[in-house]
Amino acid sequence: MRQEKLTHIPPSLALRKAVEEIDDLAATKASESAVRQLVEDLNSRIVAAIRTGISGPRISVMPLNPDKVVAEWHRRG
């Protein structure tokens, strides 16, 4: 992995990182519907992880409020 410059983080930490970066990723979207789809996809991953478990440290994130992410997207736009 080191030779190929690959990194691996546990899935639970990857979810936490995705939540932390959602506003930056949303800012790259061209429409409100695309932002809502982004949040819906992430929320589906979070719910599945909570329901079935996931490797890595304990999950410390909850599904996001799409309206709050959209409001931040509008504010940045």
PDB file of N, CA and C in Angstrom:
ATOM      1  N   MET A   1       0.827  -1.187   0.000  1.00  0.00           N
ATOM      2  CA  MET A   1       0.000   0.000   0.000  1.00  0.00           C
ATOM      3  C   MET A   1       0.873   1.253   0.000  1.00  0.00           C
ATOM      4  N   ARG A   2       1.945   1.224   0.768  1.00  0.00           N
ATOM      5  CA  ARG A   2       2.812   2.391   0.849  1.00  0.00           C
ATOM      6  C   ARG A   2       3.459   2.679  -0.500  1.00  0.00           C
ATOM      7  N   GLN A   3       3.921   1.622  -1.204  1.00  0.00           N
ATOM      8  CA  GLN A   3       4.567   1.814  -2.494  1.00  0.00           C
ATOM      9  C   GLN A   3       3.627   2.438  -3.512  1.00  0.00           C
ATOM     10  N   GLU A   4       2.370   2.052  -3.442  1.00  0.00           N
ATOM     11  CA  GLU A   4       1.386   2.578  -4.387  1.00  0.00           C
ATOM     12  C   GLU A   4       0.707   3.839  -3.875  1.00  0.00           C
ATOM     13  N   LYS A   5       1.165   4.316  -2.725  1.00  0.00           N
ATOM     14  CA  LYS A   5       0.636   5.533  -2.098  1.00  0.00           C
ATOM     15  C   LYS A   5      -0.872   5.444  -1.867  1.00  0.00           C
ATOM     16  N   LEU A   6      -1.311   4.266  -1.433  1.00  0.00           N
ATOM     17  CA  LEU A   6      -2.712   4.055  -1.097  1.00  0.00           C
ATOM     18  C   LEU A   6      -2.893   4.241   0.398  1.00  0.00           C
ATOM     19  N   THR A   7      -4.036   4.732   0.772  1.00  0.00           N
ATOM     20  CA  THR A   7      -4.354   4.839   2.186  1.00  0.00           C
ATOM     21  C   THR A   7      -5.648   4.097   2.439  1.00  0.00           C
ATOM     22  N   HIS A   8      -5.792   3.657   3.647  1.00  0.00           N
ATOM     23  CA  HIS A   8      -7.023   2.979   4.024  1.00  0.00           C
ATOM     24  C   HIS A   8      -7.451   3.507   5.382  1.00  0.00           C
ATOM     25  N   ILE A   9      -8.682   3.938   5.438  1.00  0.00           N
ATOM     26  CA  ILE A   9      -9.232   4.297   6.734  1.00  0.00           C
ATOM     27  C   ILE A   9     -10.445   3.413   6.962  1.00  0.00           C
ATOM     28  N   PRO A  10     -10.722   3.074   8.202  1.00  0.00           N
ATOM     29  CA  PRO A  10     -11.875   2.232   8.492  1.00  0.00           C
ATOM     30  C   PRO A  10     -13.167   2.882   7.972  1.00  0.00           C
ATOM     31  N   PRO A  11     -14.119   2.066   7.546  1.00  0.00           N
ATOM     32  CA  PRO A  11     -15.375   2.611   7.013  1.00  0.00           C
ATOM     33  C   PRO A  11     -16.083   3.584   7.950  1.00  0.00           C
ATOM     34  N   SER A  12     -16.032   3.342   9.258  1.00  0.00           N
ATOM     35  CA  SER A  12     -16.701   4.264  10.178  1.00  0.00           C
ATOM     36  C   SER A  12     -16.043   5.641  10.147  1.00  0.00           C
ATOM     37  N   LEU A  13     -14.722   5.668  10.016  1.00  0.00           N
ATOM     38  CA  LEU A  13     -14.035   6.956   9.923  1.00  0.00           C
ATOM     39  C   LEU A  13     -14.276   7.609   8.566  1.00  0.00           C
ATOM     40  N   ALA A  14     -14.423   6.806   7.521  1.00  0.00           N
ATOM     41  CA  ALA A  14     -14.736   7.354   6.196  1.00  0.00           C
ATOM     42  C   ALA A  14     -16.103   8.047   6.218  1.00  0.00           C
ATOM     43  N   LEU A  15     -17.054   7.460   6.930  1.00  0.00           N
ATOM     44  CA  LEU A  15     -18.372   8.105   7.050  1.00  0.00           C
ATOM     45  C   LEU A  15     -18.250   9.424   7.803  1.00  0.00           C
ATOM     46  N   ARG A  16     -17.509   9.419   8.888  1.00  0.00           N
ATOM     47  CA  ARG A  16     -17.324  10.645   9.667  1.00  0.00           C
ATOM     48  C   ARG A  16     -16.684  11.730   8.794  1.00  0.00           C
ATOM     49  N   LYS A  17     -15.704  11.349   7.998  1.00  0.00           N
ATOM     50  CA  LYS A  17     -15.038  12.295   7.109  1.00  0.00           C
ATOM     51  C   LYS A  17     -16.013  12.831   6.064  1.00  0.00           C
ATOM     52  N   ALA A  18     -16.853  11.957   5.519  1.00  0.00           N
ATOM     53  CA  ALA A  18     -17.844  12.383   4.525  1.00  0.00           C
ATOM     54  C   ALA A  18     -18.806  13.404   5.122  1.00  0.00           C
ATOM     55  N   VAL A  19     -19.207  13.192   6.368  1.00  0.00           N
ATOM     56  CA  VAL A  19     -20.100  14.146   7.034  1.00  0.00           C
ATOM     57  C   VAL A  19     -19.396  15.487   7.212  1.00  0.00           C
ATOM     58  N   GLU A  20     -18.130  15.438   7.640  1.00  0.00           N
ATOM     59  CA  GLU A  20     -17.376  16.670   7.852  1.00  0.00           C
ATOM     60  C   GLU A  20     -17.177  17.457   6.557  1.00  0.00           C
ATOM     61  N   GLU A  21     -17.109  16.755   5.436  1.00  0.00           N
ATOM     62  CA  GLU A  21     -16.825  17.404   4.149  1.00  0.00           C
ATOM     63  C   GLU A  21     -18.060  17.650   3.290  1.00  0.00           C
ATOM     64  N   ILE A  22     -19.244  17.392   3.831  1.00  0.00           N
ATOM     65  CA  ILE A  22     -20.460  17.459   3.012  1.00  0.00           C
ATOM     66  C   ILE A  22     -20.686  18.861   2.433  1.00  0.00           C
ATOM     67  N   ASP A  23     -20.425  19.906   3.207  1.00  0.00           N
ATOM     68  CA  ASP A  23     -20.671  21.258   2.693  1.00  0.00           C
ATOM     69  C   ASP A  23     -19.734  21.589   1.540  1.00  0.00           C
ATOM     70  N   ASP A  24     -18.480  21.162   1.639  1.00  0.00           N
ATOM     71  CA  ASP A  24     -17.527  21.406   0.547  1.00  0.00           C
ATOM     72  C   ASP A  24     -17.936  20.644  -0.710  1.00  0.00           C
ATOM     73  N   LEU A  25     -18.367  19.404  -0.539  1.00  0.00           N
ATOM     74  CA  LEU A  25     -18.790  18.612  -1.694  1.00  0.00           C
ATOM     75  C   LEU A  25     -20.088  19.169  -2.278  1.00  0.00           C
ATOM     76  N   ALA A  26     -20.997  19.586  -1.409  1.00  0.00           N
ATOM     77  CA  ALA A  26     -22.255  20.172  -1.887  1.00  0.00           C
ATOM     78  C   ALA A  26     -21.984  21.427  -2.718  1.00  0.00           C
ATOM     79  N   ALA A  27     -20.959  22.178  -2.341  1.00  0.00           N
ATOM     80  CA  ALA A  27     -20.633  23.416  -3.059  1.00  0.00           C
ATOM     81  C   ALA A  27     -20.257  23.152  -4.514  1.00  0.00           C
ATOM     82  N   THR A  28     -19.879  21.925  -4.832  1.00  0.00           N
ATOM     83  CA  THR A  28     -19.520  21.592  -6.215  1.00  0.00           C
ATOM     84  C   THR A  28     -20.735  21.227  -7.060  1.00  0.00           C
ATOM     85  N   LYS A  29     -21.880  21.105  -6.436  1.00  0.00           N
ATOM     86  CA  LYS A  29     -23.095  20.700  -7.157  1.00  0.00           C
ATOM     87  C   LYS A  29     -23.773  21.909  -7.782  1.00  0.00           C
ATOM     88  N   ALA A  30     -24.395  21.680  -8.932  1.00  0.00           N
ATOM     89  CA  ALA A  30     -24.985  22.771  -9.703  1.00  0.00           C
ATOM     90  C   ALA A  30     -26.445  23.052  -9.364  1.00  0.00           C
ATOM     91  N   SER A  31     -27.096  22.141  -8.656  1.00  0.00           N
ATOM     92  CA  SER A  31     -28.513  22.350  -8.380  1.00  0.00           C
ATOM     93  C   SER A  31     -28.873  21.861  -6.982  1.00  0.00           C
ATOM     94  N   GLU A  32     -29.978  22.395  -6.491  1.00  0.00           N
ATOM     95  CA  GLU A  32     -30.471  21.972  -5.179  1.00  0.00           C
ATOM     96  C   GLU A  32     -30.816  20.483  -5.181  1.00  0.00           C
ATOM     97  N   SER A  33     -31.382  20.006  -6.273  1.00  0.00           N
ATOM     98  CA  SER A  33     -31.735  18.584  -6.325  1.00  0.00           C
ATOM     99  C   SER A  33     -30.487  17.707  -6.257  1.00  0.00           C
ATOM    100  N   ALA A  34     -29.384  18.155  -6.839  1.00  0.00           N
ATOM    101  CA  ALA A  34     -28.132  17.396  -6.762  1.00  0.00           C
ATOM    102  C   ALA A  34     -27.591  17.385  -5.338  1.00  0.00           C
ATOM    103  N   VAL A  35     -27.747  18.494  -4.633  1.00  0.00           N
ATOM    104  CA  VAL A  35     -27.320  18.555  -3.227  1.00  0.00           C
ATOM    105  C   VAL A  35     -28.175  17.614  -2.389  1.00  0.00           C
ATOM    106  N   ARG A  36     -29.478  17.651  -2.619  1.00  0.00           N
ATOM    107  CA  ARG A  36     -30.372  16.759  -1.860  1.00  0.00           C
ATOM    108  C   ARG A  36     -30.046  15.291  -2.151  1.00  0.00           C
ATOM    109  N   GLN A  37     -29.725  14.959  -3.374  1.00  0.00           N
ATOM    110  CA  GLN A  37     -29.357  13.582  -3.721  1.00  0.00           C
ATOM    111  C   GLN A  37     -28.066  13.180  -3.007  1.00  0.00           C
ATOM    112  N   LEU A  38     -27.116  14.087  -2.953  1.00  0.00           N
ATOM    113  CA  LEU A  38     -25.860  13.852  -2.244  1.00  0.00           C
ATOM    114  C   LEU A  38     -26.124  13.518  -0.778  1.00  0.00           C
ATOM    115  N   VAL A  39     -26.972  14.315  -0.134  1.00  0.00           N
ATOM    116  CA  VAL A  39     -27.307  14.089   1.272  1.00  0.00           C
ATOM    117  C   VAL A  39     -28.069  12.779   1.434  1.00  0.00           C
ATOM    118  N   GLU A  40     -29.001  12.505   0.533  1.00  0.00           N
ATOM    119  CA  GLU A  40     -29.767  11.261   0.600  1.00  0.00           C
ATOM    120  C   GLU A  40     -28.839  10.042   0.506  1.00  0.00           C
ATOM    121  N   ASP A  41     -27.884  10.102  -0.401  1.00  0.00           N
ATOM    122  CA  ASP A  41     -26.939   8.988  -0.553  1.00  0.00           C
ATOM    123  C   ASP A  41     -26.106   8.791   0.709  1.00  0.00           C
ATOM    124  N   LEU A  42     -25.601   9.890   1.266  1.00  0.00           N
ATOM    125  CA  LEU A  42     -24.808   9.783   2.489  1.00  0.00           C
ATOM    126  C   LEU A  42     -25.667   9.287   3.642  1.00  0.00           C
ATOM    127  N   ASN A  43     -26.879   9.814   3.766  1.00  0.00           N
ATOM    128  CA  ASN A  43     -27.766   9.358   4.839  1.00  0.00           C
ATOM    129  C   ASN A  43     -28.078   7.874   4.716  1.00  0.00           C
ATOM    130  N   SER A  44     -28.225   7.374   3.512  1.00  0.00           N
ATOM    131  CA  SER A  44     -28.465   5.939   3.316  1.00  0.00           C
ATOM    132  C   SER A  44     -27.291   5.121   3.822  1.00  0.00           C
ATOM    133  N   ARG A  45     -26.079   5.594   3.542  1.00  0.00           N
ATOM    134  CA  ARG A  45     -24.882   4.897   4.027  1.00  0.00           C
ATOM    135  C   ARG A  45     -24.812   4.926   5.549  1.00  0.00           C
ATOM    136  N   ILE A  46     -25.164   6.066   6.144  1.00  0.00           N
ATOM    137  CA  ILE A  46     -25.138   6.197   7.605  1.00  0.00           C
ATOM    138  C   ILE A  46     -26.156   5.261   8.240  1.00  0.00           C
ATOM    139  N   VAL A  47     -27.370   5.258   7.731  1.00  0.00           N
ATOM    140  CA  VAL A  47     -28.430   4.409   8.283  1.00  0.00           C
ATOM    141  C   VAL A  47     -28.049   2.935   8.161  1.00  0.00           C
ATOM    142  N   ALA A  48     -27.503   2.541   7.024  1.00  0.00           N
ATOM    143  CA  ALA A  48     -27.082   1.150   6.842  1.00  0.00           C
ATOM    144  C   ALA A  48     -25.984   0.784   7.834  1.00  0.00           C
ATOM    145  N   ALA A  49     -25.053   1.693   8.062  1.00  0.00           N
ATOM    146  CA  ALA A  49     -23.960   1.427   8.996  1.00  0.00           C
ATOM    147  C   ALA A  49     -24.481   1.295  10.423  1.00  0.00           C
ATOM    148  N   ILE A  50     -25.424   2.128  10.787  1.00  0.00           N
ATOM    149  CA  ILE A  50     -26.009   2.056  12.122  1.00  0.00           C
ATOM    150  C   ILE A  50     -26.781   0.754  12.282  1.00  0.00           C
ATOM    151  N   ARG A  51     -27.528   0.396  11.265  1.00  0.00           N
ATOM    152  CA  ARG A  51     -28.388  -0.783  11.324  1.00  0.00           C
ATOM    153  C   ARG A  51     -27.593  -2.086  11.342  1.00  0.00           C
ATOM    154  N   THR A  52     -26.585  -2.181  10.518  1.00  0.00           N
ATOM    155  CA  THR A  52     -25.881  -3.453  10.360  1.00  0.00           C
ATOM    156  C   THR A  52     -24.513  -3.492  11.015  1.00  0.00           C
ATOM    157  N   GLY A  53     -24.011  -2.362  11.433  1.00  0.00           N
ATOM    158  CA  GLY A  53     -22.669  -2.306  11.984  1.00  0.00           C
ATOM    159  C   GLY A  53     -21.661  -2.081  10.879  1.00  0.00           C
ATOM    160  N   ILE A  54     -20.501  -1.629  11.257  1.00  0.00           N
ATOM    161  CA  ILE A  54     -19.468  -1.293  10.291  1.00  0.00           C
ATOM    162  C   ILE A  54     -18.128  -1.409  11.002  1.00  0.00           C
ATOM    163  N   SER A  55     -17.096  -1.730  10.265  1.00  0.00           N
ATOM    164  CA  SER A  55     -15.796  -1.903  10.912  1.00  0.00           C
ATOM    165  C   SER A  55     -15.177  -0.551  11.249  1.00  0.00           C
ATOM    166  N   GLY A  56     -14.342  -0.584  12.272  1.00  0.00           N
ATOM    167  CA  GLY A  56     -13.670   0.622  12.721  1.00  0.00           C
ATOM    168  C   GLY A  56     -14.234   1.103  14.034  1.00  0.00           C
ATOM    169  N   PRO A  57     -13.812   2.280  14.456  1.00  0.00           N
ATOM    170  CA  PRO A  57     -14.329   2.844  15.704  1.00  0.00           C
ATOM    171  C   PRO A  57     -15.840   3.010  15.662  1.00  0.00           C
ATOM    172  N   ARG A  58     -16.417   3.101  16.813  1.00  0.00           N
ATOM    173  CA  ARG A  58     -17.875   3.256  16.933  1.00  0.00           C
ATOM    174  C   ARG A  58     -18.365   4.421  16.069  1.00  0.00           C
ATOM    175  N   ILE A  59     -19.496   4.221  15.437  1.00  0.00           N
ATOM    176  CA  ILE A  59     -20.090   5.255  14.586  1.00  0.00           C
ATOM    177  C   ILE A  59     -20.599   6.385  15.469  1.00  0.00           C
ATOM    178  N   SER A  60     -20.179   7.589  15.141  1.00  0.00           N
ATOM    179  CA  SER A  60     -20.575   8.737  15.957  1.00  0.00           C
ATOM    180  C   SER A  60     -21.312   9.786  15.135  1.00  0.00           C
ATOM    181  N   VAL A  61     -21.867   9.381  14.013  1.00  0.00           N
ATOM    182  CA  VAL A  61     -22.592  10.324  13.165  1.00  0.00           C
ATOM    183  C   VAL A  61     -24.049   9.881  13.026  1.00  0.00           C
ATOM    184  N   MET A  62     -24.884  10.848  12.797  1.00  0.00           N
ATOM    185  CA  MET A  62     -26.307  10.602  12.564  1.00  0.00           C
ATOM    186  C   MET A  62     -26.654  11.142  11.185  1.00  0.00           C
ATOM    187  N   PRO A  63     -27.778  10.683  10.626  1.00  0.00           N
ATOM    188  CA  PRO A  63     -28.187  11.230   9.317  1.00  0.00           C
ATOM    189  C   PRO A  63     -28.291  12.754   9.370  1.00  0.00           C
ATOM    190  N   LEU A  64     -27.959  13.360   8.254  1.00  0.00           N
ATOM    191  CA  LEU A  64     -27.956  14.811   8.150  1.00  0.00           C
ATOM    192  C   LEU A  64     -29.333  15.345   7.775  1.00  0.00           C
ATOM    193  N   ASN A  65     -29.582  16.591   8.133  1.00  0.00           N
ATOM    194  CA  ASN A  65     -30.802  17.277   7.747  1.00  0.00           C
ATOM    195  C   ASN A  65     -30.560  17.893   6.362  1.00  0.00           C
ATOM    196  N   PRO A  66     -31.234  17.390   5.335  1.00  0.00           N
ATOM    197  CA  PRO A  66     -30.999  17.916   3.982  1.00  0.00           C
ATOM    198  C   PRO A  66     -31.262  19.419   3.874  1.00  0.00           C
ATOM    199  N   ASP A  67     -32.255  19.918   4.597  1.00  0.00           N
ATOM    200  CA  ASP A  67     -32.565  21.346   4.518  1.00  0.00           C
ATOM    201  C   ASP A  67     -31.412  22.203   5.021  1.00  0.00           C
ATOM    202  N   LYS A  68     -30.698  21.739   6.041  1.00  0.00           N
ATOM    203  CA  LYS A  68     -29.552  22.494   6.557  1.00  0.00           C
ATOM    204  C   LYS A  68     -28.404  22.494   5.560  1.00  0.00           C
ATOM    205  N   VAL A  69     -28.176  21.368   4.908  1.00  0.00           N
ATOM    206  CA  VAL A  69     -27.107  21.302   3.910  1.00  0.00           C
ATOM    207  C   VAL A  69     -27.456  22.187   2.718  1.00  0.00           C
ATOM    208  N   VAL A  70     -28.712  22.163   2.301  1.00  0.00           N
ATOM    209  CA  VAL A  70     -29.155  23.014   1.184  1.00  0.00           C
ATOM    210  C   VAL A  70     -29.034  24.489   1.568  1.00  0.00           C
ATOM    211  N   ALA A  71     -29.392  24.844   2.789  1.00  0.00           N
ATOM    212  CA  ALA A  71     -29.277  26.239   3.231  1.00  0.00           C
ATOM    213  C   ALA A  71     -27.819  26.704   3.178  1.00  0.00           C
ATOM    214  N   GLU A  72     -26.899  25.847   3.607  1.00  0.00           N
ATOM    215  CA  GLU A  72     -25.475  26.187   3.541  1.00  0.00           C
ATOM    216  C   GLU A  72     -25.018  26.301   2.091  1.00  0.00           C
ATOM    217  N   TRP A  73     -25.526  25.425   1.230  1.00  0.00           N
ATOM    218  CA  TRP A  73     -25.198  25.481  -0.200  1.00  0.00           C
ATOM    219  C   TRP A  73     -25.639  26.813  -0.800  1.00  0.00           C
ATOM    220  N   HIS A  74     -26.870  27.264  -0.446  1.00  0.00           N
ATOM    221  CA  HIS A  74     -27.366  28.552  -0.931  1.00  0.00           C
ATOM    222  C   HIS A  74     -26.507  29.695  -0.393  1.00  0.00           C
ATOM    223  N   ARG A  75     -26.126  29.599   0.869  1.00  0.00           N
ATOM    224  CA  ARG A  75     -25.325  30.656   1.490  1.00  0.00           C
ATOM    225  C   ARG A  75     -23.978  30.803   0.783  1.00  0.00           C
ATOM    226  N   ARG A  76     -23.387  29.670   0.410  1.00  0.00           N
ATOM    227  CA  ARG A  76     -22.081  29.697  -0.261  1.00  0.00           C
ATOM    228  C   ARG A  76     -22.188  30.142  -1.712  1.00  0.00           C
ATOM    229  N   GLY A  77     -23.359  29.868  -2.304  1.00  0.00           N
ATOM    230  CA  GLY A  77     -23.535  30.127  -3.732  1.00  0.00           C
ATOM    231  C   GLY A  77     -23.679  31.540  -4.045  1.00  0.00           C
TER     232      GLY A  77
END
